[in-house]
C-alpha atoms as a PDB file:
ATOM      1  CA  MET A   1      98.115 -73.797  56.190  1.00  0.00           C
ATOM      2  CA  SER A   2      98.294 -73.865  59.694  1.00  0.00           C
ATOM      3  CA  PHE A   3      98.901 -77.579  61.890  1.00  0.00           C
ATOM      4  CA  GLN A   4      95.615 -76.920  63.485  1.00  0.00           C
ATOM      5  CA  ALA A   5      93.664 -76.260  59.647  1.00  0.00           C
ATOM      6  CA  TYR A   6      95.759 -80.018  59.071  1.00  0.00           C
ATOM      7  CA  LEU A   7      94.199 -81.629  61.859  1.00  0.00           C
ATOM      8  CA  ASP A   8      90.649 -79.800  60.884  1.00  0.00           C
ATOM      9  CA  LYS A   9      90.732 -81.209  57.511  1.00  0.00           C
ATOM     10  CA  ILE A  10      91.456 -84.780  57.958  1.00  0.00           C
ATOM     11  CA  GLU A  11      88.589 -84.623  60.291  1.00  0.00           C
ATOM     12  CA  ASP A  12      86.377 -83.171  57.722  1.00  0.00           C
ATOM     13  CA  LYS A  13      87.722 -86.101  55.239  1.00  0.00           C
ATOM     14  CA  THR A  14      87.140 -88.507  57.744  1.00  0.00           C
ATOM     15  CA  GLY A  15      84.933 -87.840  59.908  1.00  0.00           C
ATOM     16  CA  LEU A  16      87.176 -88.625  63.329  1.00  0.00           C
ATOM     17  CA  THR A  17      88.583 -86.099  65.783  1.00  0.00           C
ATOM     18  CA  PRO A  18      92.576 -86.330  66.330  1.00  0.00           C
ATOM     19  CA  ARG A  19      91.127 -87.423  69.278  1.00  0.00           C
ATOM     20  CA  GLU A  20      89.414 -90.107  67.554  1.00  0.00           C
ATOM     21  CA  PHE A  21      92.496 -91.277  65.687  1.00  0.00           C
ATOM     22  CA  ILE A  22      95.250 -91.278  69.131  1.00  0.00           C
ATOM     23  CA  ALA A  23      92.385 -93.772  70.793  1.00  0.00           C
ATOM     24  CA  LEU A  24      93.388 -95.902  67.135  1.00  0.00           C
ATOM     25  CA  ALA A  25      96.954 -95.490  67.073  1.00  0.00           C
ATOM     26  CA  LYS A  26      96.735 -96.901  70.869  1.00  0.00           C
ATOM     27  CA  GLU A  27      94.807-100.162  69.941  1.00  0.00           C
ATOM     28  CA  ARG A  28      97.071-100.275  67.431  1.00  0.00           C
ATOM     29  CA  GLY A  29     100.288-100.383  69.005  1.00  0.00           C
ATOM     30  CA  PHE A  30     101.212 -96.967  67.594  1.00  0.00           C
ATOM     31  CA  ASP A  31     101.904 -95.072  70.642  1.00  0.00           C
ATOM     32  CA  ASP A  32     104.687 -96.813  71.093  1.00  0.00           C
ATOM     33  CA  PRO A  33     107.881 -94.431  71.212  1.00  0.00           C
ATOM     34  CA  ALA A  34     109.532 -97.138  69.050  1.00  0.00           C
ATOM     35  CA  THR A  35     106.913 -97.213  66.501  1.00  0.00           C
ATOM     36  CA  LYS A  36     108.097 -95.731  62.862  1.00  0.00           C
ATOM     37  CA  ALA A  37     106.292 -92.496  61.744  1.00  0.00           C
ATOM     38  CA  GLY A  38     106.798 -94.348  58.466  1.00  0.00           C
ATOM     39  CA  THR A  39     104.234 -97.238  59.902  1.00  0.00           C
ATOM     40  CA  ILE A  40     101.467 -94.996  61.172  1.00  0.00           C
ATOM     41  CA  VAL A  41     101.469 -92.573  57.590  1.00  0.00           C
ATOM     42  CA  GLU A  42     100.876 -96.189  56.106  1.00  0.00           C
ATOM     43  CA  TRP A  43      98.071 -96.665  58.168  1.00  0.00           C
ATOM     44  CA  LEU A  44      96.636 -93.932  57.638  1.00  0.00           C
ATOM     45  CA  LYS A  45      97.145 -94.294  53.939  1.00  0.00           C
ATOM     46  CA  GLN A  46      96.057 -97.097  53.545  1.00  0.00           C
ATOM     47  CA  ASP A  47      92.574 -97.427  55.852  1.00  0.00           C
ATOM     48  CA  TYR A  48      92.181 -93.308  55.429  1.00  0.00           C
ATOM     49  CA  ASP A  49      93.517 -92.139  52.276  1.00  0.00           C
ATOM     50  CA  LEU A  50      95.901 -89.575  53.967  1.00  0.00           C
ATOM     51  CA  GLY A  51      98.132 -88.027  51.950  1.00  0.00           C
ATOM     52  CA  ARG A  52     101.910 -87.861  54.057  1.00  0.00           C
ATOM     53  CA  GLY A  53     101.419 -84.266  55.175  1.00  0.00           C
ATOM     54  CA  HIS A  54      97.989 -84.973  57.037  1.00  0.00           C
ATOM     55  CA  ALA A  55      99.492 -88.427  57.945  1.00  0.00           C
ATOM     56  CA  MET A  56     102.493 -86.622  59.174  1.00  0.00           C
ATOM     57  CA  ALA A  57     100.318 -83.762  61.792  1.00  0.00           C
ATOM     58  CA  LEU A  58      98.590 -86.905  63.248  1.00  0.00           C
ATOM     59  CA  VAL A  59     102.382 -88.814  63.931  1.00  0.00           C
ATOM     60  CA  HIS A  60     102.560 -85.688  65.865  1.00  0.00           C
ATOM     61  CA  VAL A  61      99.913 -85.534  68.185  1.00  0.00           C
ATOM     62  CA  ILE A  62     100.117 -89.480  68.396  1.00  0.00           C
ATOM     63  CA  LYS A  63     103.142 -89.699  69.138  1.00  0.00           C
ATOM     64  CA  LYS A  64     103.793 -85.894  70.782  1.00  0.00           C
ATOM     65  CA  GLY A  65     100.487 -84.776  72.157  1.00  0.00           C
ATOM     66  CA  PRO A  66      98.468 -81.498  71.386  1.00  0.00           C
ATOM     67  CA  LYS A  67     101.791 -79.560  72.319  1.00  0.00           C
ATOM     68  CA  ILE A  68     103.341 -77.794  69.435  1.00  0.00           C
ATOM     69  CA  ASP A  69     106.580 -75.808  69.567  1.00  0.00           C
ATOM     70  CA  THR A  70     106.426 -72.036  69.817  1.00  0.00           C
ATOM     71  CA  LYS A  71     108.339 -71.297  66.514  1.00  0.00           C
ATOM     72  CA  HIS A  72     105.232 -71.895  64.810  1.00  0.00           C
ATOM     73  CA  VAL A  73     102.945 -69.864  67.030  1.00  0.00           C
ATOM     74  CA  GLY A  74     102.210 -66.188  65.445  1.00  0.00           C
ATOM     75  CA  SER A  75     100.583 -64.448  62.737  1.00  0.00           C
ATOM     76  CA  SER A  76     103.504 -64.664  60.136  1.00  0.00           C
ATOM     77  CA  GLY A  77     105.293 -67.483  57.666  1.00  0.00           C
ATOM     78  CA  SER A  78     104.124 -70.806  57.079  1.00  0.00           C
ATOM     79  CA  HIS A  79     102.162 -73.178  59.028  1.00  0.00           C
ATOM     80  CA  ARG A  80     101.437 -70.842  61.387  1.00  0.00           C
ATOM     81  CA  ASP A  81      98.394 -71.420  64.729  1.00  0.00           C
ATOM     82  CA  GLU A  82      97.174 -68.981  66.913  1.00  0.00           C
ATOM     83  CA  SER A  83      98.422 -71.667  69.695  1.00  0.00           C
ATOM     84  CA  ASP A  84     101.038 -73.697  71.024  1.00  0.00           C
ATOM     85  CA  THR A  85      98.604 -75.902  72.092  1.00  0.00           C
ATOM     86  CA  LEU A  86      96.275 -77.651  69.027  1.00  0.00           C
ATOM     87  CA  TRP A  87      92.631 -78.891  69.534  1.00  0.00           C
ATOM     88  CA  LEU A  88      92.158 -82.758  69.256  1.00  0.00           C
ATOM     89  CA  ASP A  89      88.648 -82.722  70.328  1.00  0.00           C
ATOM     90  CA  GLY A  90      86.229 -81.620  67.172  1.00  0.00           C
ATOM     91  CA  LYS A  91      86.129 -78.463  65.129  1.00  0.00           C
ATOM     92  CA  GLU A  92      82.273 -78.127  66.080  1.00  0.00           C
ATOM     93  CA  ASN A  93      83.440 -78.515  69.948  1.00  0.00           C
ATOM     94  CA  ARG A  94      86.493 -76.075  70.112  1.00  0.00           C
ATOM     95  CA  PRO A  95      86.198 -73.323  71.996  1.00  0.00           C
ATOM     96  CA  GLN A  96      85.385 -69.886  70.465  1.00  0.00           C
ATOM     97  CA  ALA A  97      88.312 -67.482  70.588  1.00  0.00           C
ATOM     98  CA  SER A  98      87.708 -64.198  72.579  1.00  0.00           C
END
């Protein structure tokens, strides 16, 4: 499953976009660099019933933003994405590939 697919599944399950999760995390102070991933994972599990893999995808965008390493971009292997930039503003708002 691609990184973007994880984010899309989270949106399907919770009704919240990654950008909305970033805002919620900021309200709680979880965007602080000192915040451990486990703290965020536990919050997402308790409040949104997200598993570790999906929660870790959100941890990445909360702490590092939408850019992913180019090693995850391409057509082969697991967790492959079309771009090194994740779409955070909801599936319905995502520009169509040309």
